[in-house]
Amino acid sequence: MNLAVDVYMIIGPLIAAVLVVALLLGAFWMGVRIWRREPPPPRPEEQPRLPDEGPVGEVRENREPEEVPRSRHRLTPHRLKAHGNVGSRTSSSEQRPRWDRGSSGSFGSGGPGAHR
């Protein structure tokens, strides 16, 4: 009886190890098949190039805010005008907007705000 238990204690982990190795080899084989179906990396001539004018410089300008329409229902991006991707327009004012003294400076932050 003890001999049978000792044999099972050796064969059981051996079978489990063989199963784990088989699963790992199967996963590797499946990964190689998927990798072969992927397109090749772009060649050097397919890489993006700088425009002839050189790199684009930074543009600083104030933008007019786009008002969010008032509604009784929660608005999601697809309900906004042009699905929320419409560009804002340039502001006529060149002065940067500043927060009022004493305000928190961040919408909904719950902070105490600036102190005098």
PDB file of N, CA and C in Angstrom:
ATOM      1  N   MET A   1       0.814  -1.187   0.000  1.00  0.00           N
ATOM      2  CA  MET A   1       0.000   0.000   0.000  1.00  0.00           C
ATOM      3  C   MET A   1       0.868   1.265   0.000  1.00  0.00           C
ATOM      4  N   ASN A   2       1.903   1.295   0.832  1.00  0.00           N
ATOM      5  CA  ASN A   2       2.794   2.450   0.870  1.00  0.00           C
ATOM      6  C   ASN A   2       3.521   2.643  -0.450  1.00  0.00           C
ATOM      7  N   LEU A   3       3.838   1.555  -1.126  1.00  0.00           N
ATOM      8  CA  LEU A   3       4.522   1.633  -2.409  1.00  0.00           C
ATOM      9  C   LEU A   3       3.635   2.302  -3.452  1.00  0.00           C
ATOM     10  N   ALA A   4       2.336   1.999  -3.443  1.00  0.00           N
ATOM     11  CA  ALA A   4       1.399   2.603  -4.397  1.00  0.00           C
ATOM     12  C   ALA A   4       1.278   4.102  -4.138  1.00  0.00           C
ATOM     13  N   VAL A   5       1.223   4.533  -2.902  1.00  0.00           N
ATOM     14  CA  VAL A   5       1.126   5.954  -2.558  1.00  0.00           C
ATOM     15  C   VAL A   5       2.396   6.676  -2.988  1.00  0.00           C
ATOM     16  N   ASP A   6       3.563   6.062  -2.778  1.00  0.00           N
ATOM     17  CA  ASP A   6       4.825   6.669  -3.181  1.00  0.00           C
ATOM     18  C   ASP A   6       4.905   6.829  -4.695  1.00  0.00           C
ATOM     19  N   VAL A   7       4.382   5.864  -5.444  1.00  0.00           N
ATOM     20  CA  VAL A   7       4.400   5.936  -6.910  1.00  0.00           C
ATOM     21  C   VAL A   7       3.513   7.092  -7.377  1.00  0.00           C
ATOM     22  N   TYR A   8       2.310   7.221  -6.763  1.00  0.00           N
ATOM     23  CA  TYR A   8       1.413   8.313  -7.137  1.00  0.00           C
ATOM     24  C   TYR A   8       2.004   9.684  -6.779  1.00  0.00           C
ATOM     25  N   MET A   9       2.768   9.742  -5.696  1.00  0.00           N
ATOM     26  CA  MET A   9       3.380  11.018  -5.302  1.00  0.00           C
ATOM     27  C   MET A   9       4.481  11.421  -6.272  1.00  0.00           C
ATOM     28  N   ILE A  10       5.029  10.482  -7.012  1.00  0.00           N
ATOM     29  CA  ILE A  10       6.048  10.786  -8.014  1.00  0.00           C
ATOM     30  C   ILE A  10       5.391  11.040  -9.379  1.00  0.00           C
ATOM     31  N   ILE A  11       4.447  10.184  -9.760  1.00  0.00           N
ATOM     32  CA  ILE A  11       3.829  10.281 -11.082  1.00  0.00           C
ATOM     33  C   ILE A  11       2.907  11.500 -11.181  1.00  0.00           C
ATOM     34  N   GLY A  12       2.176  11.835 -10.132  1.00  0.00           N
ATOM     35  CA  GLY A  12       1.240  12.969 -10.152  1.00  0.00           C
ATOM     36  C   GLY A  12       1.915  14.288 -10.523  1.00  0.00           C
ATOM     37  N   PRO A  13       2.954  14.722  -9.787  1.00  0.00           N
ATOM     38  CA  PRO A  13       3.640  15.960 -10.169  1.00  0.00           C
ATOM     39  C   PRO A  13       4.313  15.879 -11.537  1.00  0.00           C
ATOM     40  N   LEU A  14       4.779  14.681 -11.927  1.00  0.00           N
ATOM     41  CA  LEU A  14       5.409  14.525 -13.231  1.00  0.00           C
ATOM     42  C   LEU A  14       4.388  14.759 -14.350  1.00  0.00           C
ATOM     43  N   ILE A  15       3.191  14.192 -14.196  1.00  0.00           N
ATOM     44  CA  ILE A  15       2.138  14.408 -15.191  1.00  0.00           C
ATOM     45  C   ILE A  15       1.729  15.882 -15.225  1.00  0.00           C
ATOM     46  N   ALA A  16       1.610  16.516 -14.055  1.00  0.00           N
ATOM     47  CA  ALA A  16       1.260  17.942 -13.998  1.00  0.00           C
ATOM     48  C   ALA A  16       2.330  18.782 -14.697  1.00  0.00           C
ATOM     49  N   ALA A  17       3.595  18.445 -14.500  1.00  0.00           N
ATOM     50  CA  ALA A  17       4.684  19.196 -15.143  1.00  0.00           C
ATOM     51  C   ALA A  17       4.635  19.033 -16.654  1.00  0.00           C
ATOM     52  N   VAL A  18       4.347  17.823 -17.127  1.00  0.00           N
ATOM     53  CA  VAL A  18       4.247  17.585 -18.568  1.00  0.00           C
ATOM     54  C   VAL A  18       3.088  18.391 -19.150  1.00  0.00           C
ATOM     55  N   LEU A  19       1.958  18.451 -18.452  1.00  0.00           N
ATOM     56  CA  LEU A  19       0.819  19.245 -18.917  1.00  0.00           C
ATOM     57  C   LEU A  19       1.161  20.739 -18.978  1.00  0.00           C
ATOM     58  N   VAL A  20       1.854  21.251 -17.973  1.00  0.00           N
ATOM     59  CA  VAL A  20       2.228  22.667 -17.963  1.00  0.00           C
ATOM     60  C   VAL A  20       3.174  22.963 -19.128  1.00  0.00           C
ATOM     61  N   VAL A  21       4.143  22.107 -19.371  1.00  0.00           N
ATOM     62  CA  VAL A  21       5.077  22.299 -20.486  1.00  0.00           C
ATOM     63  C   VAL A  21       4.320  22.256 -21.818  1.00  0.00           C
ATOM     64  N   ALA A  22       3.361  21.317 -21.948  1.00  0.00           N
ATOM     65  CA  ALA A  22       2.575  21.229 -23.181  1.00  0.00           C
ATOM     66  C   ALA A  22       1.752  22.502 -23.390  1.00  0.00           C
ATOM     67  N   LEU A  23       1.156  23.037 -22.334  1.00  0.00           N
ATOM     68  CA  LEU A  23       0.397  24.291 -22.450  1.00  0.00           C
ATOM     69  C   LEU A  23       1.298  25.460 -22.843  1.00  0.00           C
ATOM     70  N   LEU A  24       2.474  25.531 -22.264  1.00  0.00           N
ATOM     71  CA  LEU A  24       3.403  26.612 -22.608  1.00  0.00           C
ATOM     72  C   LEU A  24       3.861  26.505 -24.059  1.00  0.00           C
ATOM     73  N   LEU A  25       4.156  25.299 -24.522  1.00  0.00           N
ATOM     74  CA  LEU A  25       4.550  25.122 -25.920  1.00  0.00           C
ATOM     75  C   LEU A  25       3.402  25.474 -26.862  1.00  0.00           C
ATOM     76  N   GLY A  26       2.180  25.104 -26.496  1.00  0.00           N
ATOM     77  CA  GLY A  26       1.021  25.453 -27.312  1.00  0.00           C
ATOM     78  C   GLY A  26       0.814  26.961 -27.377  1.00  0.00           C
ATOM     79  N   ALA A  27       0.973  27.646 -26.252  1.00  0.00           N
ATOM     80  CA  ALA A  27       0.831  29.111 -26.237  1.00  0.00           C
ATOM     81  C   ALA A  27       1.927  29.754 -27.087  1.00  0.00           C
ATOM     82  N   PHE A  28       3.149  29.248 -27.008  1.00  0.00           N
ATOM     83  CA  PHE A  28       4.236  29.786 -27.823  1.00  0.00           C
ATOM     84  C   PHE A  28       3.953  29.587 -29.306  1.00  0.00           C
ATOM     85  N   TRP A  29       3.495  28.401 -29.691  1.00  0.00           N
ATOM     86  CA  TRP A  29       3.182  28.099 -31.082  1.00  0.00           C
ATOM     87  C   TRP A  29       2.059  29.008 -31.594  1.00  0.00           C
ATOM     88  N   MET A  30       1.016  29.229 -30.770  1.00  0.00           N
ATOM     89  CA  MET A  30      -0.079  30.111 -31.167  1.00  0.00           C
ATOM     90  C   MET A  30       0.414  31.553 -31.303  1.00  0.00           C
ATOM     91  N   GLY A  31       1.289  31.991 -30.415  1.00  0.00           N
ATOM     92  CA  GLY A  31       1.846  33.340 -30.502  1.00  0.00           C
ATOM     93  C   GLY A  31       2.660  33.548 -31.763  1.00  0.00           C
ATOM     94  N   VAL A  32       3.416  32.539 -32.155  1.00  0.00           N
ATOM     95  CA  VAL A  32       4.206  32.630 -33.386  1.00  0.00           C
ATOM     96  C   VAL A  32       3.284  32.724 -34.594  1.00  0.00           C
ATOM     97  N   ARG A  33       2.202  31.963 -34.607  1.00  0.00           N
ATOM     98  CA  ARG A  33       1.248  32.026 -35.724  1.00  0.00           C
ATOM     99  C   ARG A  33       0.626  33.416 -35.836  1.00  0.00           C
ATOM    100  N   ILE A  34       0.252  33.992 -34.704  1.00  0.00           N
ATOM    101  CA  ILE A  34      -0.341  35.344 -34.711  1.00  0.00           C
ATOM    102  C   ILE A  34       0.697  36.365 -35.161  1.00  0.00           C
ATOM    103  N   TRP A  35       1.931  36.236 -34.685  1.00  0.00           N
ATOM    104  CA  TRP A  35       2.994  37.179 -35.041  1.00  0.00           C
ATOM    105  C   TRP A  35       3.269  37.156 -36.537  1.00  0.00           C
ATOM    106  N   ARG A  36       3.193  35.974 -37.155  1.00  0.00           N
ATOM    107  CA  ARG A  36       3.457  35.862 -38.603  1.00  0.00           C
ATOM    108  C   ARG A  36       2.374  36.536 -39.443  1.00  0.00           C
ATOM    109  N   ARG A  37       1.152  36.668 -38.899  1.00  0.00           N
ATOM    110  CA  ARG A  37       0.075  37.310 -39.643  1.00  0.00           C
ATOM    111  C   ARG A  37       0.136  38.835 -39.578  1.00  0.00           C
ATOM    112  N   GLU A  38       0.909  39.394 -38.648  1.00  0.00           N
ATOM    113  CA  GLU A  38       1.007  40.845 -38.493  1.00  0.00           C
ATOM    114  C   GLU A  38       1.782  41.444 -39.664  1.00  0.00           C
ATOM    115  N   PRO A  39       1.440  42.696 -40.020  1.00  0.00           N
ATOM    116  CA  PRO A  39       2.194  43.334 -41.104  1.00  0.00           C
ATOM    117  C   PRO A  39       3.630  43.628 -40.652  1.00  0.00           C
ATOM    118  N   PRO A  40       4.551  43.680 -41.604  1.00  0.00           N
ATOM    119  CA  PRO A  40       5.942  43.955 -41.233  1.00  0.00           C
ATOM    120  C   PRO A  40       6.099  45.405 -40.766  1.00  0.00           C
ATOM    121  N   PRO A  41       7.160  45.714 -40.036  1.00  0.00           N
ATOM    122  CA  PRO A  41       7.379  47.099 -39.610  1.00  0.00           C
ATOM    123  C   PRO A  41       7.640  47.985 -40.828  1.00  0.00           C
ATOM    124  N   PRO A  42       7.339  49.279 -40.726  1.00  0.00           N
ATOM    125  CA  PRO A  42       7.538  50.164 -41.878  1.00  0.00           C
ATOM    126  C   PRO A  42       9.019  50.289 -42.248  1.00  0.00           C
ATOM    127  N   ARG A  43       9.257  50.408 -43.547  1.00  0.00           N
ATOM    128  CA  ARG A  43      10.624  50.592 -44.042  1.00  0.00           C
ATOM    129  C   ARG A  43      11.047  52.045 -43.806  1.00  0.00           C
ATOM    130  N   PRO A  44      12.336  52.359 -43.874  1.00  0.00           N
ATOM    131  CA  PRO A  44      12.789  53.732 -43.617  1.00  0.00           C
ATOM    132  C   PRO A  44      12.132  54.760 -44.533  1.00  0.00           C
ATOM    133  N   GLU A  45      11.865  54.419 -45.790  1.00  0.00           N
ATOM    134  CA  GLU A  45      11.246  55.400 -46.691  1.00  0.00           C
ATOM    135  C   GLU A  45       9.764  55.609 -46.382  1.00  0.00           C
ATOM    136  N   GLU A  46       9.158  54.730 -45.572  1.00  0.00           N
ATOM    137  CA  GLU A  46       7.757  54.882 -45.178  1.00  0.00           C
ATOM    138  C   GLU A  46       7.587  55.669 -43.886  1.00  0.00           C
ATOM    139  N   GLN A  47       8.686  56.023 -43.248  1.00  0.00           N
ATOM    140  CA  GLN A  47       8.632  56.759 -41.991  1.00  0.00           C
ATOM    141  C   GLN A  47       8.192  58.210 -42.244  1.00  0.00           C
ATOM    142  N   PRO A  48       7.540  58.851 -41.257  1.00  0.00           N
ATOM    143  CA  PRO A  48       7.133  60.243 -41.430  1.00  0.00           C
ATOM    144  C   PRO A  48       8.342  61.169 -41.576  1.00  0.00           C
ATOM    145  N   ARG A  49       8.178  62.209 -42.348  1.00  0.00           N
ATOM    146  CA  ARG A  49       9.246  63.185 -42.594  1.00  0.00           C
ATOM    147  C   ARG A  49       8.810  64.568 -42.123  1.00  0.00           C
ATOM    148  N   LEU A  50       9.777  65.416 -41.828  1.00  0.00           N
ATOM    149  CA  LEU A  50       9.497  66.807 -41.484  1.00  0.00           C
ATOM    150  C   LEU A  50       9.002  67.550 -42.730  1.00  0.00           C
ATOM    151  N   PRO A  51       8.114  68.506 -42.552  1.00  0.00           N
ATOM    152  CA  PRO A  51       7.711  69.307 -43.712  1.00  0.00           C
ATOM    153  C   PRO A  51       8.901  70.073 -44.283  1.00  0.00           C
ATOM    154  N   ASP A  52       8.795  70.502 -45.541  1.00  0.00           N
ATOM    155  CA  ASP A  52       9.875  71.256 -46.175  1.00  0.00           C
ATOM    156  C   ASP A  52      10.156  72.559 -45.443  1.00  0.00           C
ATOM    157  N   GLU A  53       9.106  73.125 -44.791  1.00  0.00           N
ATOM    158  CA  GLU A  53       9.279  74.395 -44.066  1.00  0.00           C
ATOM    159  C   GLU A  53       9.983  74.210 -42.730  1.00  0.00           C
ATOM    160  N   GLY A  54      10.192  72.983 -42.311  1.00  0.00           N
ATOM    161  CA  GLY A  54      10.831  72.723 -41.028  1.00  0.00           C
ATOM    162  C   GLY A  54       9.792  72.361 -39.981  1.00  0.00           C
ATOM    163  N   PRO A  55      10.220  72.217 -38.737  1.00  0.00           N
ATOM    164  CA  PRO A  55       9.279  71.833 -37.689  1.00  0.00           C
ATOM    165  C   PRO A  55       8.257  72.939 -37.434  1.00  0.00           C
ATOM    166  N   VAL A  56       7.076  72.517 -37.009  1.00  0.00           N
ATOM    167  CA  VAL A  56       5.994  73.456 -36.729  1.00  0.00           C
ATOM    168  C   VAL A  56       6.276  74.137 -35.401  1.00  0.00           C
ATOM    169  N   GLY A  57       6.126  75.455 -35.356  1.00  0.00           N
ATOM    170  CA  GLY A  57       6.370  76.211 -34.127  1.00  0.00           C
ATOM    171  C   GLY A  57       5.148  76.225 -33.231  1.00  0.00           C
ATOM    172  N   GLU A  58       5.348  76.685 -32.015  1.00  0.00           N
ATOM    173  CA  GLU A  58       4.261  76.776 -31.047  1.00  0.00           C
ATOM    174  C   GLU A  58       3.405  77.991 -31.347  1.00  0.00           C
ATOM    175  N   VAL A  59       2.090  77.819 -31.239  1.00  0.00           N
ATOM    176  CA  VAL A  59       1.141  78.914 -31.446  1.00  0.00           C
ATOM    177  C   VAL A  59       0.428  79.152 -30.135  1.00  0.00           C
ATOM    178  N   ARG A  60       0.455  80.404 -29.652  1.00  0.00           N
ATOM    179  CA  ARG A  60      -0.249  80.747 -28.425  1.00  0.00           C
ATOM    180  C   ARG A  60      -1.370  81.698 -28.780  1.00  0.00           C
ATOM    181  N   GLU A  61      -2.578  81.294 -28.437  1.00  0.00           N
ATOM    182  CA  GLU A  61      -3.734  82.138 -28.683  1.00  0.00           C
ATOM    183  C   GLU A  61      -4.833  81.763 -27.705  1.00  0.00           C
ATOM    184  N   ASN A  62      -5.715  82.713 -27.442  1.00  0.00           N
ATOM    185  CA  ASN A  62      -6.870  82.449 -26.595  1.00  0.00           C
ATOM    186  C   ASN A  62      -8.004  81.935 -27.463  1.00  0.00           C
ATOM    187  N   ARG A  63      -8.737  80.973 -26.951  1.00  0.00           N
ATOM    188  CA  ARG A  63      -9.854  80.398 -27.679  1.00  0.00           C
ATOM    189  C   ARG A  63     -11.162  80.751 -26.975  1.00  0.00           C
ATOM    190  N   GLU A  64     -12.199  80.970 -27.761  1.00  0.00           N
ATOM    191  CA  GLU A  64     -13.526  81.218 -27.208  1.00  0.00           C
ATOM    192  C   GLU A  64     -14.092  79.894 -26.711  1.00  0.00           C
ATOM    193  N   PRO A  65     -14.713  79.891 -25.541  1.00  0.00           N
ATOM    194  CA  PRO A  65     -15.300  78.637 -25.065  1.00  0.00           C
ATOM    195  C   PRO A  65     -16.554  78.290 -25.856  1.00  0.00           C
ATOM    196  N   GLU A  66     -16.798  77.026 -26.025  1.00  0.00           N
ATOM    197  CA  GLU A  66     -18.016  76.546 -26.666  1.00  0.00           C
ATOM    198  C   GLU A  66     -19.003  76.228 -25.552  1.00  0.00           C
ATOM    199  N   GLU A  67     -20.145  76.881 -25.566  1.00  0.00           N
ATOM    200  CA  GLU A  67     -21.129  76.680 -24.515  1.00  0.00           C
ATOM    201  C   GLU A  67     -21.753  75.298 -24.620  1.00  0.00           C
ATOM    202  N   VAL A  68     -21.943  74.674 -23.468  1.00  0.00           N
ATOM    203  CA  VAL A  68     -22.595  73.369 -23.423  1.00  0.00           C
ATOM    204  C   VAL A  68     -24.098  73.611 -23.323  1.00  0.00           C
ATOM    205  N   PRO A  69     -24.883  72.990 -24.193  1.00  0.00           N
ATOM    206  CA  PRO A  69     -26.325  73.214 -24.141  1.00  0.00           C
ATOM    207  C   PRO A  69     -26.921  72.678 -22.845  1.00  0.00           C
ATOM    208  N   ARG A  70     -27.898  73.406 -22.306  1.00  0.00           N
ATOM    209  CA  ARG A  70     -28.564  72.982 -21.069  1.00  0.00           C
ATOM    210  C   ARG A  70     -29.607  71.931 -21.421  1.00  0.00           C
ATOM    211  N   SER A  71     -29.680  70.897 -20.592  1.00  0.00           N
ATOM    212  CA  SER A  71     -30.618  69.820 -20.845  1.00  0.00           C
ATOM    213  C   SER A  71     -30.990  69.169 -19.527  1.00  0.00           C
ATOM    214  N   ARG A  72     -32.185  68.571 -19.489  1.00  0.00           N
ATOM    215  CA  ARG A  72     -32.610  67.850 -18.286  1.00  0.00           C
ATOM    216  C   ARG A  72     -31.894  66.507 -18.186  1.00  0.00           C
ATOM    217  N   HIS A  73     -31.435  66.000 -19.305  1.00  0.00           N
ATOM    218  CA  HIS A  73     -30.781  64.698 -19.341  1.00  0.00           C
ATOM    219  C   HIS A  73     -29.267  64.874 -19.372  1.00  0.00           C
ATOM    220  N   ARG A  74     -28.586  63.858 -18.912  1.00  0.00           N
ATOM    221  CA  ARG A  74     -27.125  63.873 -18.923  1.00  0.00           C
ATOM    222  C   ARG A  74     -26.634  63.883 -20.370  1.00  0.00           C
ATOM    223  N   LEU A  75     -25.701  64.793 -20.659  1.00  0.00           N
ATOM    224  CA  LEU A  75     -25.169  64.892 -22.015  1.00  0.00           C
ATOM    225  C   LEU A  75     -23.953  63.989 -22.162  1.00  0.00           C
ATOM    226  N   THR A  76     -23.930  63.266 -23.244  1.00  0.00           N
ATOM    227  CA  THR A  76     -22.776  62.454 -23.585  1.00  0.00           C
ATOM    228  C   THR A  76     -22.130  63.064 -24.819  1.00  0.00           C
ATOM    229  N   PRO A  77     -20.876  62.747 -25.128  1.00  0.00           N
ATOM    230  CA  PRO A  77     -20.190  63.395 -26.244  1.00  0.00           C
ATOM    231  C   PRO A  77     -20.925  63.284 -27.578  1.00  0.00           C
ATOM    232  N   HIS A  78     -21.604  62.168 -27.824  1.00  0.00           N
ATOM    233  CA  HIS A  78     -22.263  62.041 -29.123  1.00  0.00           C
ATOM    234  C   HIS A  78     -23.507  62.923 -29.233  1.00  0.00           C
ATOM    235  N   ARG A  79     -23.995  63.478 -28.115  1.00  0.00           N
ATOM    236  CA  ARG A  79     -25.133  64.394 -28.165  1.00  0.00           C
ATOM    237  C   ARG A  79     -24.714  65.841 -28.373  1.00  0.00           C
ATOM    238  N   LEU A  80     -23.440  66.133 -28.227  1.00  0.00           N
ATOM    239  CA  LEU A  80     -22.961  67.493 -28.436  1.00  0.00           C
ATOM    240  C   LEU A  80     -22.912  67.809 -29.921  1.00  0.00           C
ATOM    241  N   LYS A  81     -22.895  69.104 -30.223  1.00  0.00           N
ATOM    242  CA  LYS A  81     -22.843  69.535 -31.612  1.00  0.00           C
ATOM    243  C   LYS A  81     -21.605  68.952 -32.287  1.00  0.00           C
ATOM    244  N   ALA A  82     -21.786  68.348 -33.427  1.00  0.00           N
ATOM    245  CA  ALA A  82     -20.714  67.728 -34.216  1.00  0.00           C
ATOM    246  C   ALA A  82     -19.954  66.692 -33.391  1.00  0.00           C
ATOM    247  N   HIS A  83     -20.664  66.016 -32.506  1.00  0.00           N
ATOM    248  CA  HIS A  83     -20.110  64.931 -31.692  1.00  0.00           C
ATOM    249  C   HIS A  83     -18.955  65.377 -30.805  1.00  0.00           C
ATOM    250  N   GLY A  84     -18.936  66.606 -30.375  1.00  0.00           N
ATOM    251  CA  GLY A  84     -17.937  67.074 -29.429  1.00  0.00           C
ATOM    252  C   GLY A  84     -16.561  67.300 -30.002  1.00  0.00           C
ATOM    253  N   ASN A  85     -16.413  67.242 -31.313  1.00  0.00           N
ATOM    254  CA  ASN A  85     -15.085  67.425 -31.895  1.00  0.00           C
ATOM    255  C   ASN A  85     -14.992  68.685 -32.732  1.00  0.00           C
ATOM    256  N   VAL A  86     -15.954  69.580 -32.589  1.00  0.00           N
ATOM    257  CA  VAL A  86     -15.906  70.819 -33.355  1.00  0.00           C
ATOM    258  C   VAL A  86     -14.857  71.738 -32.726  1.00  0.00           C
ATOM    259  N   GLY A  87     -14.083  72.414 -33.528  1.00  0.00           N
ATOM    260  CA  GLY A  87     -13.036  73.285 -33.011  1.00  0.00           C
ATOM    261  C   GLY A  87     -13.593  74.588 -32.469  1.00  0.00           C
ATOM    262  N   SER A  88     -12.923  75.128 -31.487  1.00  0.00           N
ATOM    263  CA  SER A  88     -13.342  76.431 -30.967  1.00  0.00           C
ATOM    264  C   SER A  88     -12.774  77.520 -31.872  1.00  0.00           C
ATOM    265  N   ARG A  89     -13.242  78.740 -31.675  1.00  0.00           N
ATOM    266  CA  ARG A  89     -12.791  79.846 -32.521  1.00  0.00           C
ATOM    267  C   ARG A  89     -11.822  80.731 -31.733  1.00  0.00           C
ATOM    268  N   THR A  90     -11.004  81.468 -32.441  1.00  0.00           N
ATOM    269  CA  THR A  90     -10.024  82.342 -31.817  1.00  0.00           C
ATOM    270  C   THR A  90     -10.725  83.505 -31.133  1.00  0.00           C
ATOM    271  N   SER A  91     -10.277  83.843 -29.943  1.00  0.00           N
ATOM    272  CA  SER A  91     -10.873  84.928 -29.180  1.00  0.00           C
ATOM    273  C   SER A  91     -10.358  86.272 -29.691  1.00  0.00           C
ATOM    274  N   SER A  92     -11.216  87.287 -29.627  1.00  0.00           N
ATOM    275  CA  SER A  92     -10.788  88.626 -30.038  1.00  0.00           C
ATOM    276  C   SER A  92      -9.921  89.268 -28.959  1.00  0.00           C
ATOM    277  N   SER A  93     -10.057  88.814 -27.731  1.00  0.00           N
ATOM    278  CA  SER A  93      -9.278  89.364 -26.618  1.00  0.00           C
ATOM    279  C   SER A  93      -7.907  88.693 -26.565  1.00  0.00           C
ATOM    280  N   GLU A  94      -6.874  89.493 -26.366  1.00  0.00           N
ATOM    281  CA  GLU A  94      -5.520  88.955 -26.242  1.00  0.00           C
ATOM    282  C   GLU A  94      -5.128  88.752 -24.778  1.00  0.00           C
ATOM    283  N   GLN A  95      -5.987  89.150 -23.852  1.00  0.00           N
ATOM    284  CA  GLN A  95      -5.687  89.036 -22.432  1.00  0.00           C
ATOM    285  C   GLN A  95      -6.050  87.627 -21.946  1.00  0.00           C
ATOM    286  N   ARG A  96      -5.133  87.013 -21.234  1.00  0.00           N
ATOM    287  CA  ARG A  96      -5.367  85.669 -20.729  1.00  0.00           C
ATOM    288  C   ARG A  96      -6.388  85.702 -19.601  1.00  0.00           C
ATOM    289  N   PRO A  97      -7.306  84.741 -19.561  1.00  0.00           N
ATOM    290  CA  PRO A  97      -8.271  84.709 -18.458  1.00  0.00           C
ATOM    291  C   PRO A  97      -7.566  84.328 -17.159  1.00  0.00           C
ATOM    292  N   ARG A  98      -7.934  84.985 -16.073  1.00  0.00           N
ATOM    293  CA  ARG A  98      -7.354  84.714 -14.756  1.00  0.00           C
ATOM    294  C   ARG A  98      -8.464  84.340 -13.788  1.00  0.00           C
ATOM    295  N   TRP A  99      -8.101  83.582 -12.785  1.00  0.00           N
ATOM    296  CA  TRP A  99      -9.073  83.227 -11.763  1.00  0.00           C
ATOM    297  C   TRP A  99      -9.266  84.410 -10.820  1.00  0.00           C
ATOM    298  N   ASP A 100     -10.455  84.531 -10.283  1.00  0.00           N
ATOM    299  CA  ASP A 100     -10.728  85.584  -9.301  1.00  0.00           C
ATOM    300  C   ASP A 100     -10.000  85.254  -8.008  1.00  0.00           C
ATOM    301  N   ARG A 101      -9.525  86.305  -7.353  1.00  0.00           N
ATOM    302  CA  ARG A 101      -8.866  86.111  -6.073  1.00  0.00           C
ATOM    303  C   ARG A 101      -9.892  85.577  -5.073  1.00  0.00           C
ATOM    304  N   GLY A 102      -9.511  84.554  -4.343  1.00  0.00           N
ATOM    305  CA  GLY A 102     -10.418  83.955  -3.375  1.00  0.00           C
ATOM    306  C   GLY A 102     -11.159  82.748  -3.931  1.00  0.00           C
ATOM    307  N   SER A 103     -11.063  82.510  -5.219  1.00  0.00           N
ATOM    308  CA  SER A 103     -11.714  81.317  -5.760  1.00  0.00           C
ATOM    309  C   SER A 103     -10.738  80.151  -5.681  1.00  0.00           C
ATOM    310  N   SER A 104     -11.254  78.948  -5.835  1.00  0.00           N
ATOM    311  CA  SER A 104     -10.406  77.773  -5.690  1.00  0.00           C
ATOM    312  C   SER A 104      -9.463  77.611  -6.881  1.00  0.00           C
ATOM    313  N   GLY A 105      -9.825  78.143  -8.025  1.00  0.00           N
ATOM    314  CA  GLY A 105      -8.969  78.041  -9.200  1.00  0.00           C
ATOM    315  C   GLY A 105      -9.156  76.746  -9.956  1.00  0.00           C
ATOM    316  N   SER A 106      -9.946  75.855  -9.403  1.00  0.00           N
ATOM    317  CA  SER A 106     -10.182  74.593 -10.085  1.00  0.00           C
ATOM    318  C   SER A 106     -11.625  74.214  -9.864  1.00  0.00           C
ATOM    319  N   PHE A 107     -12.304  73.878 -10.923  1.00  0.00           N
ATOM    320  CA  PHE A 107     -13.718  73.555 -10.808  1.00  0.00           C
ATOM    321  C   PHE A 107     -13.903  72.272 -10.012  1.00  0.00           C
ATOM    322  N   GLY A 108     -14.676  72.351  -8.951  1.00  0.00           N
ATOM    323  CA  GLY A 108     -15.017  71.169  -8.187  1.00  0.00           C
ATOM    324  C   GLY A 108     -13.917  70.605  -7.339  1.00  0.00           C
ATOM    325  N   SER A 109     -12.850  71.378  -7.083  1.00  0.00           N
ATOM    326  CA  SER A 109     -11.745  70.822  -6.310  1.00  0.00           C
ATOM    327  C   SER A 109     -12.091  70.700  -4.836  1.00  0.00           C
ATOM    328  N   GLY A 110     -13.011  71.549  -4.376  1.00  0.00           N
ATOM    329  CA  GLY A 110     -13.392  71.496  -2.978  1.00  0.00           C
ATOM    330  C   GLY A 110     -12.352  72.087  -2.053  1.00  0.00           C
ATOM    331  N   GLY A 111     -11.341  72.703  -2.611  1.00  0.00           N
ATOM    332  CA  GLY A 111     -10.293  73.298  -1.788  1.00  0.00           C
ATOM    333  C   GLY A 111     -10.757  74.598  -1.165  1.00  0.00           C
ATOM    334  N   PRO A 112      -9.989  75.108  -0.204  1.00  0.00           N
ATOM    335  CA  PRO A 112     -10.393  76.329   0.474  1.00  0.00           C
ATOM    336  C   PRO A 112     -10.211  77.575  -0.394  1.00  0.00           C
ATOM    337  N   GLY A 113      -9.470  77.487  -1.459  1.00  0.00           N
ATOM    338  CA  GLY A 113      -9.267  78.644  -2.324  1.00  0.00           C
ATOM    339  C   GLY A 113      -8.100  79.494  -1.845  1.00  0.00           C
ATOM    340  N   ALA A 114      -7.856  80.580  -2.558  1.00  0.00           N
ATOM    341  CA  ALA A 114      -6.740  81.467  -2.214  1.00  0.00           C
ATOM    342  C   ALA A 114      -7.098  82.266  -0.975  1.00  0.00           C
ATOM    343  N   HIS A 115      -6.116  82.509  -0.127  1.00  0.00           N
ATOM    344  CA  HIS A 115      -6.318  83.294   1.096  1.00  0.00           C
ATOM    345  C   HIS A 115      -5.672  84.644   0.943  1.00  0.00           C
ATOM    346  N   ARG A 116      -6.305  85.642   1.496  1.00  0.00           N
ATOM    347  CA  ARG A 116      -5.748  87.003   1.415  1.00  0.00           C
ATOM    348  C   ARG A 116      -4.809  87.276   2.530  1.00  0.00           C
TER     349      ARG A 116
END
